[in-house]
């Protein structure tokens, strides 16, 4: 099983790569995923962060949908 911190680090690394290639929408989705996972990790001590994590994952899902739609055109 892959740990959550490893996925966060990989998402942040991929965000940096996407920014350097000019894919800012994709970078925003990856950053939102990393933030959502970070907020979810901190949620047991701060329950309000669970709502923030859900909002971040919703943004990530919207970006995924947009990119799929854009690539289908």
PDB file of N, CA and C in Angstrom:
ATOM      1  N   UNK A   1       0.836  -1.177   0.000  1.00  0.00           N
ATOM      2  CA  UNK A   1       0.000   0.000   0.000  1.00  0.00           C
ATOM      3  C   UNK A   1       0.884   1.244   0.000  1.00  0.00           C
ATOM      4  N   UNK A   2       0.515   2.220  -0.815  1.00  0.00           N
ATOM      5  CA  UNK A   2       1.280   3.457  -0.917  1.00  0.00           C
ATOM      6  C   UNK A   2       0.760   4.440   0.126  1.00  0.00           C
ATOM      7  N   UNK A   3       1.676   5.096   0.802  1.00  0.00           N
ATOM      8  CA  UNK A   3       1.277   5.998   1.876  1.00  0.00           C
ATOM      9  C   UNK A   3       0.798   7.340   1.326  1.00  0.00           C
ATOM     10  N   UNK A   4      -0.050   7.992   2.092  1.00  0.00           N
ATOM     11  CA  UNK A   4      -0.597   9.290   1.699  1.00  0.00           C
ATOM     12  C   UNK A   4       0.482  10.357   1.518  1.00  0.00           C
ATOM     13  N   UNK A   5       1.463  10.457   2.430  1.00  0.00           N
ATOM     14  CA  UNK A   5       2.508  11.476   2.208  1.00  0.00           C
ATOM     15  C   UNK A   5       3.266  11.290   0.894  1.00  0.00           C
ATOM     16  N   UNK A   6       3.477  10.050   0.476  1.00  0.00           N
ATOM     17  CA  UNK A   6       4.159   9.807  -0.793  1.00  0.00           C
ATOM     18  C   UNK A   6       3.324  10.323  -1.962  1.00  0.00           C
ATOM     19  N   UNK A   7       2.023  10.092  -1.922  1.00  0.00           N
ATOM     20  CA  UNK A   7       1.142  10.573  -2.982  1.00  0.00           C
ATOM     21  C   UNK A   7       1.123  12.097  -3.002  1.00  0.00           C
ATOM     22  N   UNK A   8       1.136  12.729  -1.833  1.00  0.00           N
ATOM     23  CA  UNK A   8       1.158  14.193  -1.759  1.00  0.00           C
ATOM     24  C   UNK A   8       2.441  14.722  -2.400  1.00  0.00           C
ATOM     25  N   UNK A   9       3.564  14.110  -2.072  1.00  0.00           N
ATOM     26  CA  UNK A   9       4.845  14.545  -2.640  1.00  0.00           C
ATOM     27  C   UNK A   9       4.857  14.349  -4.153  1.00  0.00           C
ATOM     28  N   UNK A  10       4.353  13.214  -4.624  1.00  0.00           N
ATOM     29  CA  UNK A  10       4.304  12.970  -6.069  1.00  0.00           C
ATOM     30  C   UNK A  10       3.390  13.972  -6.770  1.00  0.00           C
ATOM     31  N   UNK A  11       2.254  14.288  -6.158  1.00  0.00           N
ATOM     32  CA  UNK A  11       1.332  15.260  -6.761  1.00  0.00           C
ATOM     33  C   UNK A  11       1.972  16.641  -6.828  1.00  0.00           C
ATOM     34  N   UNK A  12       2.701  17.030  -5.795  1.00  0.00           N
ATOM     35  CA  UNK A  12       3.372  18.329  -5.810  1.00  0.00           C
ATOM     36  C   UNK A  12       4.489  18.363  -6.854  1.00  0.00           C
ATOM     37  N   UNK A  13       5.204  17.255  -6.992  1.00  0.00           N
ATOM     38  CA  UNK A  13       6.230  17.171  -8.030  1.00  0.00           C
ATOM     39  C   UNK A  13       5.622  17.257  -9.420  1.00  0.00           C
ATOM     40  N   UNK A  14       4.511  16.561  -9.638  1.00  0.00           N
ATOM     41  CA  UNK A  14       3.825  16.625 -10.932  1.00  0.00           C
ATOM     42  C   UNK A  14       3.270  18.025 -11.183  1.00  0.00           C
ATOM     43  N   UNK A  15       2.839  18.699 -10.118  1.00  0.00           N
ATOM     44  CA  UNK A  15       2.365  20.083 -10.257  1.00  0.00           C
ATOM     45  C   UNK A  15       3.488  20.974 -10.771  1.00  0.00           C
ATOM     46  N   UNK A  16       4.650  20.848 -10.178  1.00  0.00           N
ATOM     47  CA  UNK A  16       5.794  21.635 -10.630  1.00  0.00           C
ATOM     48  C   UNK A  16       6.136  21.366 -12.083  1.00  0.00           C
ATOM     49  N   UNK A  17       6.081  20.107 -12.474  1.00  0.00           N
ATOM     50  CA  UNK A  17       6.370  19.749 -13.861  1.00  0.00           C
ATOM     51  C   UNK A  17       5.343  20.356 -14.812  1.00  0.00           C
ATOM     52  N   UNK A  18       4.059  20.267 -14.446  1.00  0.00           N
ATOM     53  CA  UNK A  18       3.009  20.789 -15.321  1.00  0.00           C
ATOM     54  C   UNK A  18       3.095  22.307 -15.442  1.00  0.00           C
ATOM     55  N   UNK A  19       3.523  22.989 -14.382  1.00  0.00           N
ATOM     56  CA  UNK A  19       3.694  24.441 -14.459  1.00  0.00           C
ATOM     57  C   UNK A  19       4.808  24.784 -15.434  1.00  0.00           C
ATOM     58  N   UNK A  20       5.909  24.034 -15.378  1.00  0.00           N
ATOM     59  CA  UNK A  20       7.028  24.328 -16.278  1.00  0.00           C
ATOM     60  C   UNK A  20       6.687  24.036 -17.734  1.00  0.00           C
ATOM     61  N   UNK A  21       5.733  23.151 -17.987  1.00  0.00           N
ATOM     62  CA  UNK A  21       5.334  22.860 -19.368  1.00  0.00           C
ATOM     63  C   UNK A  21       4.199  23.757 -19.838  1.00  0.00           C
ATOM     64  N   UNK A  22       3.690  24.619 -18.954  1.00  0.00           N
ATOM     65  CA  UNK A  22       2.638  25.550 -19.338  1.00  0.00           C
ATOM     66  C   UNK A  22       1.225  25.014 -19.213  1.00  0.00           C
ATOM     67  N   UNK A  23       1.051  23.860 -18.606  1.00  0.00           N
ATOM     68  CA  UNK A  23      -0.277  23.269 -18.427  1.00  0.00           C
ATOM     69  C   UNK A  23      -0.827  23.700 -17.060  1.00  0.00           C
ATOM     70  N   UNK A  24      -1.302  24.937 -17.007  1.00  0.00           N
ATOM     71  CA  UNK A  24      -1.695  25.514 -15.725  1.00  0.00           C
ATOM     72  C   UNK A  24      -2.997  24.925 -15.167  1.00  0.00           C
ATOM     73  N   UNK A  25      -3.909  24.532 -16.036  1.00  0.00           N
ATOM     74  CA  UNK A  25      -5.160  23.929 -15.562  1.00  0.00           C
ATOM     75  C   UNK A  25      -4.863  22.593 -14.886  1.00  0.00           C
ATOM     76  N   UNK A  26      -4.056  21.782 -15.545  1.00  0.00           N
ATOM     77  CA  UNK A  26      -3.693  20.486 -14.972  1.00  0.00           C
ATOM     78  C   UNK A  26      -2.907  20.666 -13.674  1.00  0.00           C
ATOM     79  N   UNK A  27      -2.035  21.663 -13.638  1.00  0.00           N
ATOM     80  CA  UNK A  27      -1.273  21.944 -12.421  1.00  0.00           C
ATOM     81  C   UNK A  27      -2.203  22.331 -11.282  1.00  0.00           C
ATOM     82  N   UNK A  28      -3.228  23.105 -11.589  1.00  0.00           N
ATOM     83  CA  UNK A  28      -4.203  23.477 -10.565  1.00  0.00           C
ATOM     84  C   UNK A  28      -4.939  22.270 -10.021  1.00  0.00           C
ATOM     85  N   UNK A  29      -5.285  21.330 -10.884  1.00  0.00           N
ATOM     86  CA  UNK A  29      -5.951  20.107 -10.434  1.00  0.00           C
ATOM     87  C   UNK A  29      -5.053  19.256  -9.551  1.00  0.00           C
ATOM     88  N   UNK A  30      -3.798  19.148  -9.932  1.00  0.00           N
ATOM     89  CA  UNK A  30      -2.852  18.370  -9.122  1.00  0.00           C
ATOM     90  C   UNK A  30      -2.590  19.037  -7.774  1.00  0.00           C
ATOM     91  N   UNK A  31      -2.467  20.362  -7.782  1.00  0.00           N
ATOM     92  CA  UNK A  31      -2.267  21.087  -6.531  1.00  0.00           C
ATOM     93  C   UNK A  31      -3.481  20.941  -5.629  1.00  0.00           C
ATOM     94  N   UNK A  32      -4.656  21.001  -6.221  1.00  0.00           N
ATOM     95  CA  UNK A  32      -5.884  20.830  -5.445  1.00  0.00           C
ATOM     96  C   UNK A  32      -5.951  19.428  -4.830  1.00  0.00           C
ATOM     97  N   UNK A  33      -5.502  18.426  -5.570  1.00  0.00           N
ATOM     98  CA  UNK A  33      -5.489  17.066  -5.024  1.00  0.00           C
ATOM     99  C   UNK A  33      -4.514  16.969  -3.852  1.00  0.00           C
ATOM    100  N   UNK A  34      -3.331  17.558  -4.003  1.00  0.00           N
ATOM    101  CA  UNK A  34      -2.352  17.526  -2.917  1.00  0.00           C
ATOM    102  C   UNK A  34      -2.879  18.249  -1.680  1.00  0.00           C
ATOM    103  N   UNK A  35      -3.520  19.397  -1.885  1.00  0.00           N
ATOM    104  CA  UNK A  35      -4.098  20.117  -0.748  1.00  0.00           C
ATOM    105  C   UNK A  35      -5.219  19.320  -0.088  1.00  0.00           C
ATOM    106  N   UNK A  36      -6.058  18.692  -0.911  1.00  0.00           N
ATOM    107  CA  UNK A  36      -7.144  17.874  -0.358  1.00  0.00           C
ATOM    108  C   UNK A  36      -6.612  16.726   0.481  1.00  0.00           C
ATOM    109  N   UNK A  37      -5.579  16.061   0.004  1.00  0.00           N
ATOM    110  CA  UNK A  37      -4.989  14.963   0.775  1.00  0.00           C
ATOM    111  C   UNK A  37      -4.334  15.474   2.063  1.00  0.00           C
ATOM    112  N   UNK A  38      -3.717  16.647   1.985  1.00  0.00           N
ATOM    113  CA  UNK A  38      -3.110  17.242   3.175  1.00  0.00           C
ATOM    114  C   UNK A  38      -4.178  17.601   4.197  1.00  0.00           C
ATOM    115  N   UNK A  39      -5.254  18.242   3.736  1.00  0.00           N
ATOM    116  CA  UNK A  39      -6.349  18.595   4.646  1.00  0.00           C
ATOM    117  C   UNK A  39      -6.976  17.350   5.247  1.00  0.00           C
ATOM    118  N   UNK A  40      -7.132  16.301   4.449  1.00  0.00           N
ATOM    119  CA  UNK A  40      -7.716  15.058   4.949  1.00  0.00           C
ATOM    120  C   UNK A  40      -6.819  14.421   6.003  1.00  0.00           C
ATOM    121  N   UNK A  41      -5.514  14.551   5.819  1.00  0.00           N
ATOM    122  CA  UNK A  41      -4.558  14.018   6.793  1.00  0.00           C
ATOM    123  C   UNK A  41      -4.643  14.760   8.119  1.00  0.00           C
ATOM    124  N   UNK A  42      -4.935  16.071   8.052  1.00  0.00           N
ATOM    125  CA  UNK A  42      -5.022  16.884   9.271  1.00  0.00           C
ATOM    126  C   UNK A  42      -6.421  16.900   9.867  1.00  0.00           C
ATOM    127  N   UNK A  43      -7.402  16.318   9.193  1.00  0.00           N
ATOM    128  CA  UNK A  43      -8.801  16.374   9.622  1.00  0.00           C
ATOM    129  C   UNK A  43      -9.091  15.729  10.980  1.00  0.00           C
ATOM    130  N   UNK A  44      -8.394  14.673  11.404  1.00  0.00           N
ATOM    131  CA  UNK A  44      -8.732  14.109  12.724  1.00  0.00           C
ATOM    132  C   UNK A  44      -8.550  15.106  13.870  1.00  0.00           C
ATOM    133  N   UNK A  45      -7.617  16.025  13.750  1.00  0.00           N
ATOM    134  CA  UNK A  45      -7.428  17.004  14.819  1.00  0.00           C
ATOM    135  C   UNK A  45      -8.238  18.272  14.577  1.00  0.00           C
ATOM    136  N   UNK A  46      -8.579  18.547  13.325  1.00  0.00           N
ATOM    137  CA  UNK A  46      -9.368  19.735  12.971  1.00  0.00           C
ATOM    138  C   UNK A  46     -10.488  19.300  12.035  1.00  0.00           C
ATOM    139  N   UNK A  47     -11.645  18.942  12.571  1.00  0.00           N
ATOM    140  CA  UNK A  47     -12.733  18.400  11.740  1.00  0.00           C
ATOM    141  C   UNK A  47     -13.218  19.332  10.622  1.00  0.00           C
ATOM    142  N   UNK A  48     -13.038  20.628  10.765  1.00  0.00           N
ATOM    143  CA  UNK A  48     -13.489  21.555   9.723  1.00  0.00           C
ATOM    144  C   UNK A  48     -12.700  21.373   8.426  1.00  0.00           C
ATOM    145  N   UNK A  49     -11.519  20.816   8.511  1.00  0.00           N
ATOM    146  CA  UNK A  49     -10.698  20.624   7.318  1.00  0.00           C
ATOM    147  C   UNK A  49     -11.251  19.533   6.401  1.00  0.00           C
ATOM    148  N   UNK A  50     -12.146  18.695   6.930  1.00  0.00           N
ATOM    149  CA  UNK A  50     -12.732  17.661   6.084  1.00  0.00           C
ATOM    150  C   UNK A  50     -13.562  18.304   4.973  1.00  0.00           C
ATOM    151  N   UNK A  51     -14.266  19.365   5.293  1.00  0.00           N
ATOM    152  CA  UNK A  51     -15.042  20.086   4.269  1.00  0.00           C
ATOM    153  C   UNK A  51     -14.117  20.734   3.243  1.00  0.00           C
ATOM    154  N   UNK A  52     -13.001  21.268   3.691  1.00  0.00           N
ATOM    155  CA  UNK A  52     -12.029  21.861   2.767  1.00  0.00           C
ATOM    156  C   UNK A  52     -11.450  20.790   1.848  1.00  0.00           C
ATOM    157  N   UNK A  53     -11.203  19.601   2.392  1.00  0.00           N
ATOM    158  CA  UNK A  53     -10.683  18.499   1.573  1.00  0.00           C
ATOM    159  C   UNK A  53     -11.695  18.109   0.502  1.00  0.00           C
ATOM    160  N   UNK A  54     -12.952  18.041   0.873  1.00  0.00           N
ATOM    161  CA  UNK A  54     -13.991  17.699  -0.102  1.00  0.00           C
ATOM    162  C   UNK A  54     -14.067  18.760  -1.190  1.00  0.00           C
ATOM    163  N   UNK A  55     -13.945  20.021  -0.811  1.00  0.00           N
ATOM    164  CA  UNK A  55     -13.944  21.102  -1.809  1.00  0.00           C
ATOM    165  C   UNK A  55     -12.757  20.968  -2.760  1.00  0.00           C
ATOM    166  N   UNK A  56     -11.593  20.640  -2.228  1.00  0.00           N
ATOM    167  CA  UNK A  56     -10.407  20.463  -3.071  1.00  0.00           C
ATOM    168  C   UNK A  56     -10.585  19.289  -4.030  1.00  0.00           C
ATOM    169  N   UNK A  57     -11.162  18.192  -3.547  1.00  0.00           N
ATOM    170  CA  UNK A  57     -11.379  17.034  -4.413  1.00  0.00           C
ATOM    171  C   UNK A  57     -12.424  17.335  -5.478  1.00  0.00           C
ATOM    172  N   UNK A  58     -13.388  18.191  -5.155  1.00  0.00           N
ATOM    173  CA  UNK A  58     -14.380  18.599  -6.148  1.00  0.00           C
ATOM    174  C   UNK A  58     -13.721  19.414  -7.257  1.00  0.00           C
ATOM    175  N   UNK A  59     -12.802  20.287  -6.880  1.00  0.00           N
ATOM    176  CA  UNK A  59     -12.056  21.058  -7.875  1.00  0.00           C
ATOM    177  C   UNK A  59     -11.231  20.125  -8.753  1.00  0.00           C
ATOM    178  N   UNK A  60     -10.589  19.146  -8.130  1.00  0.00           N
ATOM    179  CA  UNK A  60      -9.798  18.176  -8.891  1.00  0.00           C
ATOM    180  C   UNK A  60     -10.678  17.421  -9.886  1.00  0.00           C
ATOM    181  N   UNK A  61     -11.843  16.997  -9.437  1.00  0.00           N
ATOM    182  CA  UNK A  61     -12.759  16.277 -10.332  1.00  0.00           C
ATOM    183  C   UNK A  61     -13.226  17.174 -11.478  1.00  0.00           C
ATOM    184  N   UNK A  62     -13.474  18.442 -11.191  1.00  0.00           N
ATOM    185  CA  UNK A  62     -13.892  19.370 -12.248  1.00  0.00           C
ATOM    186  C   UNK A  62     -12.776  19.561 -13.277  1.00  0.00           C
ATOM    187  N   UNK A  63     -11.552  19.659 -12.808  1.00  0.00           N
ATOM    188  CA  UNK A  63     -10.422  19.805 -13.732  1.00  0.00           C
ATOM    189  C   UNK A  63     -10.273  18.548 -14.584  1.00  0.00           C
ATOM    190  N   UNK A  64     -10.421  17.389 -13.981  1.00  0.00           N
ATOM    191  CA  UNK A  64     -10.342  16.137 -14.741  1.00  0.00           C
ATOM    192  C   UNK A  64     -11.415  16.122 -15.820  1.00  0.00           C
ATOM    193  N   UNK A  65     -12.637  16.484 -15.456  1.00  0.00           N
ATOM    194  CA  UNK A  65     -13.729  16.531 -16.427  1.00  0.00           C
ATOM    195  C   UNK A  65     -13.449  17.505 -17.550  1.00  0.00           C
ATOM    196  N   UNK A  66     -12.921  18.673 -17.218  1.00  0.00           N
ATOM    197  CA  UNK A  66     -12.606  19.679 -18.230  1.00  0.00           C
ATOM    198  C   UNK A  66     -11.522  19.178 -19.191  1.00  0.00           C
ATOM    199  N   UNK A  67     -10.488  18.570 -18.645  1.00  0.00           N
ATOM    200  CA  UNK A  67      -9.385  18.089 -19.484  1.00  0.00           C
ATOM    201  C   UNK A  67      -9.865  16.961 -20.396  1.00  0.00           C
ATOM    202  N   UNK A  68     -10.695  16.077 -19.879  1.00  0.00           N
ATOM    203  CA  UNK A  68     -11.236  15.013 -20.725  1.00  0.00           C
ATOM    204  C   UNK A  68     -12.086  15.614 -21.837  1.00  0.00           C
ATOM    205  N   UNK A  69     -12.919  16.588 -21.492  1.00  0.00           N
ATOM    206  CA  UNK A  69     -13.761  17.244 -22.504  1.00  0.00           C
ATOM    207  C   UNK A  69     -12.897  17.963 -23.539  1.00  0.00           C
ATOM    208  N   UNK A  70     -11.887  18.688 -23.073  1.00  0.00           N
ATOM    209  CA  UNK A  70     -11.014  19.436 -23.980  1.00  0.00           C
ATOM    210  C   UNK A  70     -10.265  18.504 -24.926  1.00  0.00           C
ATOM    211  N   UNK A  71      -9.806  17.378 -24.436  1.00  0.00           N
ATOM    212  CA  UNK A  71      -9.052  16.439 -25.274  1.00  0.00           C
ATOM    213  C   UNK A  71      -9.959  15.668 -26.237  1.00  0.00           C
ATOM    214  N   UNK A  72     -11.261  15.616 -25.944  1.00  0.00           N
ATOM    215  CA  UNK A  72     -12.179  14.929 -26.829  1.00  0.00           C
ATOM    216  C   UNK A  72     -12.550  15.783 -28.040  1.00  0.00           C
ATOM    217  N   UNK A  73     -12.282  17.073 -27.967  1.00  0.00           N
ATOM    218  CA  UNK A  73     -12.635  17.978 -29.076  1.00  0.00           C
ATOM    219  C   UNK A  73     -11.690  17.858 -30.228  1.00  0.00           C
TER     220      UNK A  73
END
